[in-house]
Amino acid sequence: MKKNSPALKQLLALCFSAVLFSCNDNAAKKEDTSATAGDSATSATAPPPAAAFVPFDVMEISHTVKDYDKWRPLFNTDSTARRASGLEDIVVGRNVDNPNDILIALKTSDVQKAKDFGADPRLKAVMTKGGVVSKPEIQFFHVIRFNPESKEKQWVRVTHRVKDFEAWLKVFDNEGTANRAGQGLIDVALGRSIENPDIVTLVFDITDMQKAKTAIQSEEKKKLMSSAGVVGAPKIEFYRTAE
């Protein structure tokens, strides 16, 4: 067999180089396509960013009824009037010790409209028909913290006045959510009275009623409140979410 001529060797070398560069180019294209597809898959499955919390206003109505089972249907029927006044139901609670003591929390889009709703003689007539036997107490709070994952059926509402809200808040935050969770208390809401911002209301879900009552009524908790600048005795009310 004759040896390959220099011209033939050069031709073969050129063909080999062309094939080699062609393979490398195809591999690069495949890698680029794969990376693009991976980016698309990642962006397609990535969860949307969580919406930022927006503070809101709440109207709270508390009163005593003769018979909850007779009162509730009338309350439900009056939902049309509440919506017309910019009110949205959040929760109806029944006091743990006296189930006929009712607390109603309503999210409001317009505080003045809500106040007009509360002062309307029509509402008084509806309450009388529903068997309300006490003078209703109506309060308005600006909620600055809220846990939308609230799910427990029993909870506690703590209301007190503070000397200095910012100083109180530092002590509250230093105590920490994890510490309160160990006491059977899960942070749900923190609000300040619209009429008097020094009045603070707190709502905690209760995962263990005995632990929660022991913690809230303990001397340690009283000392903590005192160091935070709480004025007077706090109002502590335990509720179960009404069905």
Protein backbone atom coordinates (compact mmCIF):
# COMPACT_ATOMS: atom_id res chain seq x y z
CA MET A 1 0.00 0.00 0.00
CA LYS A 2 1.33 3.44 -0.92
CA LYS A 3 1.93 5.98 1.80
CA ASN A 4 -0.41 8.95 1.86
CA SER A 5 0.82 11.98 -0.03
CA PRO A 6 1.31 15.32 1.85
CA ALA A 7 -1.68 16.81 0.02
CA LEU A 8 -3.91 13.93 1.11
CA LYS A 9 -2.73 14.25 4.71
CA GLN A 10 -3.55 17.96 4.71
CA LEU A 11 -7.02 17.26 3.31
CA LEU A 12 -7.72 14.63 5.96
CA ALA A 13 -6.56 17.01 8.71
CA LEU A 14 -8.92 19.73 7.50
CA CYS A 15 -11.88 17.32 7.41
CA PHE A 16 -11.11 16.10 10.94
CA SER A 17 -10.91 19.66 12.25
CA ALA A 18 -14.25 20.55 10.67
CA VAL A 19 -15.93 17.53 12.25
CA LEU A 20 -14.38 18.28 15.64
CA PHE A 21 -15.48 21.95 15.70
CA SER A 22 -18.94 20.95 14.50
CA CYS A 23 -19.35 18.49 17.40
CA ASN A 24 -18.13 21.05 19.95
CA ASP A 25 -20.54 23.67 18.62
CA ASN A 26 -23.48 21.27 18.80
CA ALA A 27 -22.57 20.32 22.38
CA ALA A 28 -22.40 24.00 23.37
CA LYS A 29 -25.81 24.63 21.81
CA LYS A 30 -27.28 21.68 23.68
CA GLU A 31 -25.76 22.91 26.96
CA ASP A 32 -27.11 26.42 26.35
CA THR A 33 -30.55 25.08 25.49
CA SER A 34 -30.53 22.88 28.59
CA ALA A 35 -29.57 25.84 30.79
CA THR A 36 -32.31 28.00 29.28
CA ALA A 37 -34.86 25.25 29.79
CA GLY A 38 -33.71 24.88 33.40
CA ASP A 39 -34.07 28.63 33.99
CA SER A 40 -37.57 28.54 32.50
CA ALA A 41 -38.54 25.59 34.68
CA THR A 42 -37.20 27.33 37.77
CA SER A 43 -39.07 30.55 37.02
CA ALA A 44 -42.23 28.62 36.23
CA THR A 45 -42.22 26.75 39.55
CA ALA A 46 -40.91 29.54 41.80
CA PRO A 47 -43.61 30.76 44.23
CA PRO A 48 -44.75 34.38 43.89
CA PRO A 49 -43.34 36.80 46.46
CA ALA A 50 -45.42 37.10 49.63
CA ALA A 51 -47.64 40.17 49.73
CA ALA A 52 -46.51 42.79 52.21
CA PHE A 53 -48.74 43.17 55.27
CA VAL A 54 -50.93 46.26 55.20
CA PRO A 55 -52.21 47.56 58.58
CA PHE A 56 -55.98 47.76 58.87
CA ASP A 57 -58.72 49.03 61.18
CA VAL A 58 -61.03 46.90 63.29
CA MET A 59 -64.37 47.58 64.94
CA GLU A 60 -65.03 45.47 68.04
CA ILE A 61 -68.50 45.05 69.53
CA SER A 62 -68.97 43.23 72.82
CA HIS A 63 -72.29 42.54 74.57
CA THR A 64 -74.26 39.89 76.42
CA VAL A 65 -77.20 38.00 74.90
CA LYS A 66 -80.01 35.99 76.47
CA ASP A 67 -79.64 33.05 74.11
CA TYR A 68 -76.80 32.71 71.62
CA ASP A 69 -78.74 30.31 69.38
CA LYS A 70 -81.53 32.86 68.95
CA TRP A 71 -79.16 35.81 68.52
CA ARG A 72 -76.88 34.27 65.88
CA PRO A 73 -79.42 33.96 63.02
CA LEU A 74 -80.31 37.66 63.33
CA PHE A 75 -76.62 38.57 63.36
CA ASN A 76 -76.09 36.53 60.20
CA THR A 77 -79.08 38.15 58.48
CA ASP A 78 -77.72 41.62 59.27
CA SER A 79 -74.52 40.91 57.29
CA THR A 80 -75.91 42.89 54.32
CA ALA A 81 -76.08 46.06 56.42
CA ARG A 82 -72.56 45.46 57.74
CA ARG A 83 -71.14 45.09 54.24
CA ALA A 84 -72.92 48.27 53.13
CA SER A 85 -71.08 50.08 55.93
CA GLY A 86 -67.71 48.73 54.82
CA LEU A 87 -67.52 46.05 57.51
CA GLU A 88 -66.18 42.55 56.99
CA ASP A 89 -66.61 39.76 59.56
CA ILE A 90 -63.34 38.54 61.09
CA VAL A 91 -64.51 36.46 64.05
CA VAL A 92 -67.29 36.00 66.58
CA GLY A 93 -66.08 34.82 69.97
CA ARG A 94 -67.94 33.41 72.95
CA ASN A 95 -66.46 33.97 76.39
CA VAL A 96 -65.07 30.76 77.87
CA ASP A 97 -66.59 31.41 81.31
CA ASN A 98 -69.89 32.89 80.06
CA PRO A 99 -70.73 31.77 76.49
CA ASN A 100 -73.46 34.42 76.21
CA ASP A 101 -70.84 37.18 76.43
CA ILE A 102 -70.07 37.86 72.79
CA LEU A 103 -67.15 39.62 71.10
CA ILE A 104 -67.47 40.53 67.42
CA ALA A 105 -64.42 41.68 65.43
CA LEU A 106 -65.08 43.42 62.11
CA LYS A 107 -62.53 44.69 59.60
CA THR A 108 -63.52 48.18 58.50
CA SER A 109 -62.62 50.09 55.35
CA ASP A 110 -64.04 53.38 56.68
CA VAL A 111 -63.98 54.13 60.40
CA GLN A 112 -66.52 56.95 60.18
CA LYS A 113 -69.01 54.76 58.31
CA ALA A 114 -68.46 52.08 60.93
CA LYS A 115 -69.13 54.59 63.71
CA ASP A 116 -72.32 55.67 61.97
CA PHE A 117 -73.33 52.01 61.72
CA GLY A 118 -72.76 51.54 65.45
CA ALA A 119 -74.75 54.67 66.36
CA ASP A 120 -77.68 53.91 64.04
CA PRO A 121 -80.96 53.27 65.98
CA ARG A 122 -81.60 50.49 63.45
CA LEU A 123 -78.72 48.47 64.93
CA LYS A 124 -80.10 48.96 68.43
CA ALA A 125 -83.46 47.60 67.27
CA VAL A 126 -81.75 44.57 65.69
CA MET A 127 -79.83 43.90 68.90
CA THR A 128 -82.96 44.20 71.02
CA LYS A 129 -84.75 41.76 68.73
CA GLY A 130 -81.80 39.40 69.00
CA GLY A 131 -81.95 39.41 72.79
CA VAL A 132 -78.97 41.62 73.65
CA VAL A 133 -79.32 42.38 77.36
CA SER A 134 -76.29 44.59 78.04
CA LYS A 135 -75.18 47.96 76.75
CA PRO A 136 -72.92 47.23 73.74
CA GLU A 137 -69.28 48.30 74.07
CA ILE A 138 -67.82 49.47 70.76
CA GLN A 139 -64.10 50.05 70.24
CA PHE A 140 -61.90 50.79 67.24
CA PHE A 141 -58.34 49.56 66.84
CA HIS A 142 -55.62 50.06 64.25
CA VAL A 143 -54.04 46.63 63.73
CA ILE A 144 -50.31 46.91 63.04
CA ARG A 145 -49.43 43.21 63.28
CA PHE A 146 -51.53 40.25 62.22
CA ASN A 147 -50.93 36.53 61.75
CA PRO A 148 -53.12 35.27 58.88
CA GLU A 149 -52.30 31.66 59.86
CA SER A 150 -54.46 31.97 62.98
CA LYS A 151 -56.43 28.74 63.25
CA GLU A 152 -57.02 27.80 66.88
CA LYS A 153 -60.58 27.64 68.19
CA GLN A 154 -59.68 29.19 71.55
CA TRP A 155 -57.91 32.47 72.11
CA VAL A 156 -57.30 35.25 74.59
CA ARG A 157 -57.63 39.01 74.22
CA VAL A 158 -55.48 41.21 76.47
CA THR A 159 -56.15 44.96 76.61
CA HIS A 160 -54.16 47.46 78.66
CA ARG A 161 -52.85 51.03 78.71
CA VAL A 162 -49.13 51.79 78.44
CA LYS A 163 -47.05 54.81 79.38
CA ASP A 164 -44.92 54.71 76.24
CA PHE A 165 -45.85 52.44 73.35
CA GLU A 166 -42.35 52.20 71.83
CA ALA A 167 -40.81 51.32 75.22
CA TRP A 168 -43.55 48.73 75.82
CA LEU A 169 -43.05 47.23 72.35
CA LYS A 170 -39.34 46.66 72.97
CA VAL A 171 -40.11 44.63 76.11
CA PHE A 172 -42.84 42.70 74.27
CA ASP A 173 -40.51 41.87 71.37
CA ASN A 174 -37.68 40.91 73.71
CA GLU A 175 -39.97 38.38 75.37
CA GLY A 176 -40.28 36.82 71.91
CA THR A 177 -42.86 34.79 70.00
CA ALA A 178 -41.02 31.52 70.69
CA ASN A 179 -41.15 32.10 74.45
CA ARG A 180 -44.88 32.86 74.30
CA ALA A 181 -45.44 29.80 72.11
CA GLY A 182 -43.87 27.73 74.89
CA GLN A 183 -46.54 29.16 77.18
CA GLY A 184 -49.30 27.96 74.86
CA LEU A 185 -49.75 31.41 73.29
CA ILE A 186 -49.42 32.08 69.55
CA ASP A 187 -49.24 35.74 68.46
CA VAL A 188 -52.24 36.67 66.29
CA ALA A 189 -52.82 40.43 66.43
CA LEU A 190 -51.45 43.63 67.89
CA GLY A 191 -53.56 46.78 67.71
CA ARG A 192 -53.69 50.29 69.13
CA SER A 193 -56.90 52.11 70.02
CA ILE A 194 -57.81 54.72 67.40
CA GLU A 195 -59.22 57.02 70.08
CA ASN A 196 -56.30 56.53 72.47
CA PRO A 197 -53.11 54.98 70.96
CA ASP A 198 -51.78 54.28 74.47
CA ILE A 199 -54.41 51.54 74.79
CA VAL A 200 -53.02 48.33 73.31
CA THR A 201 -54.92 45.16 72.49
CA LEU A 202 -53.30 41.77 71.91
CA VAL A 203 -54.85 38.55 70.65
CA PHE A 204 -53.17 35.17 71.09
CA ASP A 205 -54.28 31.77 69.85
CA ILE A 206 -54.20 29.21 72.65
CA THR A 207 -52.68 25.80 72.03
CA ASP A 208 -52.85 24.78 75.70
CA MET A 209 -55.47 26.53 77.84
CA GLN A 210 -54.00 25.54 81.21
CA LYS A 211 -50.48 26.64 80.27
CA ALA A 212 -51.81 29.88 78.78
CA LYS A 213 -53.84 30.81 81.86
CA THR A 214 -50.95 29.94 84.18
CA ALA A 215 -48.52 32.08 82.15
CA ILE A 216 -50.79 35.11 81.74
CA GLN A 217 -51.79 35.17 85.39
CA SER A 218 -48.30 34.47 86.74
CA GLU A 219 -46.27 36.87 88.85
CA GLU A 220 -43.53 36.78 86.18
CA LYS A 221 -45.96 38.09 83.56
CA LYS A 222 -47.20 40.81 85.91
CA LYS A 223 -43.61 41.92 86.56
CA LEU A 224 -42.89 41.90 82.82
CA MET A 225 -45.92 44.09 82.14
CA SER A 226 -44.93 46.45 84.92
CA SER A 227 -41.38 46.77 83.55
CA ALA A 228 -42.87 47.53 80.12
CA GLY A 229 -44.89 50.42 81.53
CA VAL A 230 -48.37 48.88 81.64
CA VAL A 231 -50.67 51.16 83.63
CA GLY A 232 -53.31 49.53 85.84
CA ALA A 233 -54.64 46.00 85.61
CA PRO A 234 -54.97 44.52 82.11
CA LYS A 235 -58.33 43.25 80.88
CA ILE A 236 -57.91 39.56 80.06
CA GLU A 237 -60.72 37.70 78.26
CA PHE A 238 -60.69 34.09 77.08
CA TYR A 239 -62.83 33.16 74.09
CA ARG A 240 -63.78 30.27 71.86
CA THR A 241 -64.56 30.91 68.22
CA ALA A 242 -68.32 30.63 67.72
CA GLU A 243 -69.63 28.19 65.13
